[in-house]
Amino acid sequence: MHKATSLLSVLCLSMALTGCVAAGAGAATAEAVVSPSDEAIEYVRTHDLKPYIGRAIERGDIVRGMSKEDVRFVKGEPPRVEEKGGQTVWVYGTFSQNTPRLLCYFKDGKLVEKTER
């Protein structure tokens, strides 16, 4: 009986430690969590935004439904603006082989699509 209890204790302890090691390894390899800037927090606090848009702004990301003002806050002034098929396209990034890195498509003042190349 004592032998079975000891074996069970060893198994439980090894499982518990394996979980801790795995969690620690995952944390070490995961992308670093970046705290939002004071400016981003203030922007989100002072604008009437949907929660998912506010979270994206705090992460420094852009998502569908953002206004041009929201995208400008996150990405800055677009280096180039084009009109295509009734949509406004903001072009960001460096060009290689005449292909932009990020295209932001707006319709009626809202981001409807982003393309990263």
C-alpha atoms as a PDB file:
ATOM      1  CA  MET A   1       0.000   0.000   0.000  1.00  0.00           C
ATOM      2  CA  HIS A   2       2.819   2.381   0.928  1.00  0.00           C
ATOM      3  CA  LYS A   3       4.558   1.613  -2.380  1.00  0.00           C
ATOM      4  CA  ALA A   4       1.411   2.460  -4.394  1.00  0.00           C
ATOM      5  CA  THR A   5       0.939   5.761  -2.507  1.00  0.00           C
ATOM      6  CA  SER A   6       4.577   6.694  -3.094  1.00  0.00           C
ATOM      7  CA  LEU A   7       4.277   5.916  -6.792  1.00  0.00           C
ATOM      8  CA  LEU A   8       1.090   7.961  -7.045  1.00  0.00           C
ATOM      9  CA  SER A   9       2.786  10.883  -5.266  1.00  0.00           C
ATOM     10  CA  VAL A  10       5.747  10.762  -7.646  1.00  0.00           C
ATOM     11  CA  LEU A  11       3.454  10.683 -10.686  1.00  0.00           C
ATOM     12  CA  CYS A  12       1.381  13.631  -9.430  1.00  0.00           C
ATOM     13  CA  LEU A  13       4.484  15.644  -8.610  1.00  0.00           C
ATOM     14  CA  SER A  14       6.047  14.968 -12.023  1.00  0.00           C
ATOM     15  CA  MET A  15       2.826  15.980 -13.794  1.00  0.00           C
ATOM     16  CA  ALA A  16       2.623  19.179 -11.770  1.00  0.00           C
ATOM     17  CA  LEU A  17       6.242  20.065 -12.505  1.00  0.00           C
ATOM     18  CA  THR A  18       5.866  19.259 -16.204  1.00  0.00           C
ATOM     19  CA  GLY A  19       2.936  21.673 -16.396  1.00  0.00           C
ATOM     20  CA  CYS A  20       5.019  24.390 -14.765  1.00  0.00           C
ATOM     21  CA  VAL A  21       7.947  23.825 -17.114  1.00  0.00           C
ATOM     22  CA  ALA A  22       5.660  23.810 -20.155  1.00  0.00           C
ATOM     23  CA  ALA A  23       3.969  27.012 -19.060  1.00  0.00           C
ATOM     24  CA  GLY A  24       7.303  28.653 -18.433  1.00  0.00           C
ATOM     25  CA  ALA A  25       8.646  27.555 -21.815  1.00  0.00           C
ATOM     26  CA  GLY A  26       5.540  28.859 -23.560  1.00  0.00           C
ATOM     27  CA  ALA A  27       5.852  32.168 -21.812  1.00  0.00           C
ATOM     28  CA  ALA A  28       9.481  32.441 -22.855  1.00  0.00           C
ATOM     29  CA  THR A  29       8.737  31.781 -26.517  1.00  0.00           C
ATOM     30  CA  ALA A  30       5.506  33.788 -26.772  1.00  0.00           C
ATOM     31  CA  GLU A  31       5.603  37.288 -28.174  1.00  0.00           C
ATOM     32  CA  ALA A  32       6.234  39.931 -25.565  1.00  0.00           C
ATOM     33  CA  VAL A  33       3.158  41.677 -24.288  1.00  0.00           C
ATOM     34  CA  VAL A  34       3.483  45.385 -24.892  1.00  0.00           C
ATOM     35  CA  SER A  35       1.712  47.798 -22.599  1.00  0.00           C
ATOM     36  CA  PRO A  36      -0.314  50.460 -24.381  1.00  0.00           C
ATOM     37  CA  SER A  37       1.209  53.904 -24.526  1.00  0.00           C
ATOM     38  CA  ASP A  38      -0.243  56.732 -22.468  1.00  0.00           C
ATOM     39  CA  GLU A  39      -1.316  58.366 -25.744  1.00  0.00           C
ATOM     40  CA  ALA A  40      -3.202  55.245 -26.847  1.00  0.00           C
ATOM     41  CA  ILE A  41      -4.926  54.939 -23.474  1.00  0.00           C
ATOM     42  CA  GLU A  42      -5.951  58.604 -23.638  1.00  0.00           C
ATOM     43  CA  TYR A  43      -7.181  58.252 -27.237  1.00  0.00           C
ATOM     44  CA  VAL A  44      -9.335  55.234 -26.363  1.00  0.00           C
ATOM     45  CA  ARG A  45     -10.642  56.926 -23.222  1.00  0.00           C
ATOM     46  CA  THR A  46     -11.658  60.119 -25.027  1.00  0.00           C
ATOM     47  CA  HIS A  47     -13.260  58.551 -28.116  1.00  0.00           C
ATOM     48  CA  ASP A  48     -16.517  56.636 -28.364  1.00  0.00           C
ATOM     49  CA  LEU A  49     -15.152  53.348 -29.709  1.00  0.00           C
ATOM     50  CA  LYS A  50     -16.388  49.795 -29.906  1.00  0.00           C
ATOM     51  CA  PRO A  51     -14.420  47.690 -27.402  1.00  0.00           C
ATOM     52  CA  TYR A  52     -12.641  45.622 -30.075  1.00  0.00           C
ATOM     53  CA  ILE A  53     -11.450  48.808 -31.772  1.00  0.00           C
ATOM     54  CA  GLY A  54     -10.176  50.246 -28.493  1.00  0.00           C
ATOM     55  CA  ARG A  55      -8.241  47.046 -27.756  1.00  0.00           C
ATOM     56  CA  ALA A  56      -6.723  47.086 -31.257  1.00  0.00           C
ATOM     57  CA  ILE A  57      -5.606  50.698 -30.826  1.00  0.00           C
ATOM     58  CA  GLU A  58      -4.009  49.853 -27.495  1.00  0.00           C
ATOM     59  CA  ARG A  59      -2.121  46.976 -29.230  1.00  0.00           C
ATOM     60  CA  GLY A  60      -1.069  49.272 -32.071  1.00  0.00           C
ATOM     61  CA  ASP A  61      -3.095  47.273 -34.574  1.00  0.00           C
ATOM     62  CA  ILE A  62      -5.726  48.227 -37.140  1.00  0.00           C
ATOM     63  CA  VAL A  63      -8.998  46.346 -37.657  1.00  0.00           C
ATOM     64  CA  ARG A  64     -12.136  46.588 -39.762  1.00  0.00           C
ATOM     65  CA  GLY A  65     -14.590  49.225 -38.654  1.00  0.00           C
ATOM     66  CA  MET A  66     -11.964  51.772 -37.621  1.00  0.00           C
ATOM     67  CA  SER A  67     -12.399  55.343 -38.773  1.00  0.00           C
ATOM     68  CA  LYS A  68      -9.744  57.123 -40.780  1.00  0.00           C
ATOM     69  CA  GLU A  69      -8.899  59.042 -37.599  1.00  0.00           C
ATOM     70  CA  ASP A  70      -8.343  55.756 -35.724  1.00  0.00           C
ATOM     71  CA  VAL A  71      -6.073  54.357 -38.437  1.00  0.00           C
ATOM     72  CA  ARG A  72      -4.175  57.649 -38.655  1.00  0.00           C
ATOM     73  CA  PHE A  73      -3.624  57.538 -34.888  1.00  0.00           C
ATOM     74  CA  VAL A  74      -2.170  54.010 -35.072  1.00  0.00           C
ATOM     75  CA  LYS A  75      -0.246  54.131 -38.377  1.00  0.00           C
ATOM     76  CA  GLY A  76       0.337  57.845 -38.904  1.00  0.00           C
ATOM     77  CA  GLU A  77      -0.368  59.935 -41.977  1.00  0.00           C
ATOM     78  CA  PRO A  78      -0.521  57.752 -45.094  1.00  0.00           C
ATOM     79  CA  PRO A  79       2.385  58.398 -47.461  1.00  0.00           C
ATOM     80  CA  ARG A  80       0.078  57.899 -50.431  1.00  0.00           C
ATOM     81  CA  VAL A  81      -3.711  58.040 -50.952  1.00  0.00           C
ATOM     82  CA  GLU A  82      -5.482  56.589 -53.990  1.00  0.00           C
ATOM     83  CA  GLU A  83      -9.083  56.274 -55.137  1.00  0.00           C
ATOM     84  CA  LYS A  84     -10.086  52.849 -56.525  1.00  0.00           C
ATOM     85  CA  GLY A  85     -13.609  51.709 -57.377  1.00  0.00           C
ATOM     86  CA  GLY A  86     -15.380  54.042 -54.956  1.00  0.00           C
ATOM     87  CA  GLN A  87     -12.957  53.293 -52.137  1.00  0.00           C
ATOM     88  CA  THR A  88     -10.180  55.364 -50.672  1.00  0.00           C
ATOM     89  CA  VAL A  89      -6.924  53.415 -50.327  1.00  0.00           C
ATOM     90  CA  TRP A  90      -4.184  54.475 -47.944  1.00  0.00           C
ATOM     91  CA  VAL A  91      -0.797  53.057 -48.885  1.00  0.00           C
ATOM     92  CA  TYR A  92       1.842  52.484 -46.171  1.00  0.00           C
ATOM     93  CA  GLY A  93       5.269  50.939 -46.142  1.00  0.00           C
ATOM     94  CA  THR A  94       8.334  50.579 -48.250  1.00  0.00           C
ATOM     95  CA  PHE A  95       8.106  49.533 -51.840  1.00  0.00           C
ATOM     96  CA  SER A  96       9.941  46.630 -53.375  1.00  0.00           C
ATOM     97  CA  GLN A  97       9.108  45.643 -56.920  1.00  0.00           C
ATOM     98  CA  ASN A  98       6.409  48.377 -56.822  1.00  0.00           C
ATOM     99  CA  THR A  99       4.383  46.415 -54.230  1.00  0.00           C
ATOM    100  CA  PRO A 100       3.303  48.265 -51.064  1.00  0.00           C
ATOM    101  CA  ARG A 101       3.586  46.613 -47.694  1.00  0.00           C
ATOM    102  CA  LEU A 102       0.165  47.696 -46.341  1.00  0.00           C
ATOM    103  CA  LEU A 103      -2.991  48.851 -48.102  1.00  0.00           C
ATOM    104  CA  CYS A 104      -5.955  50.173 -46.079  1.00  0.00           C
ATOM    105  CA  TYR A 105      -9.279  50.296 -47.936  1.00  0.00           C
ATOM    106  CA  PHE A 106     -11.953  52.705 -46.698  1.00  0.00           C
ATOM    107  CA  LYS A 107     -15.586  52.978 -47.678  1.00  0.00           C
ATOM    108  CA  ASP A 108     -17.794  55.675 -46.185  1.00  0.00           C
ATOM    109  CA  GLY A 109     -14.944  56.652 -43.861  1.00  0.00           C
ATOM    110  CA  LYS A 110     -14.549  53.185 -42.278  1.00  0.00           C
ATOM    111  CA  LEU A 111     -11.813  50.604 -42.773  1.00  0.00           C
ATOM    112  CA  VAL A 112     -13.334  47.723 -44.738  1.00  0.00           C
ATOM    113  CA  GLU A 113     -10.187  45.789 -45.608  1.00  0.00           C
ATOM    114  CA  LYS A 114      -6.450  45.784 -45.077  1.00  0.00           C
ATOM    115  CA  THR A 115      -3.960  43.947 -47.225  1.00  0.00           C
ATOM    116  CA  GLU A 116      -0.431  43.242 -46.076  1.00  0.00           C
ATOM    117  CA  ARG A 117       2.139  42.141 -48.624  1.00  0.00           C
END
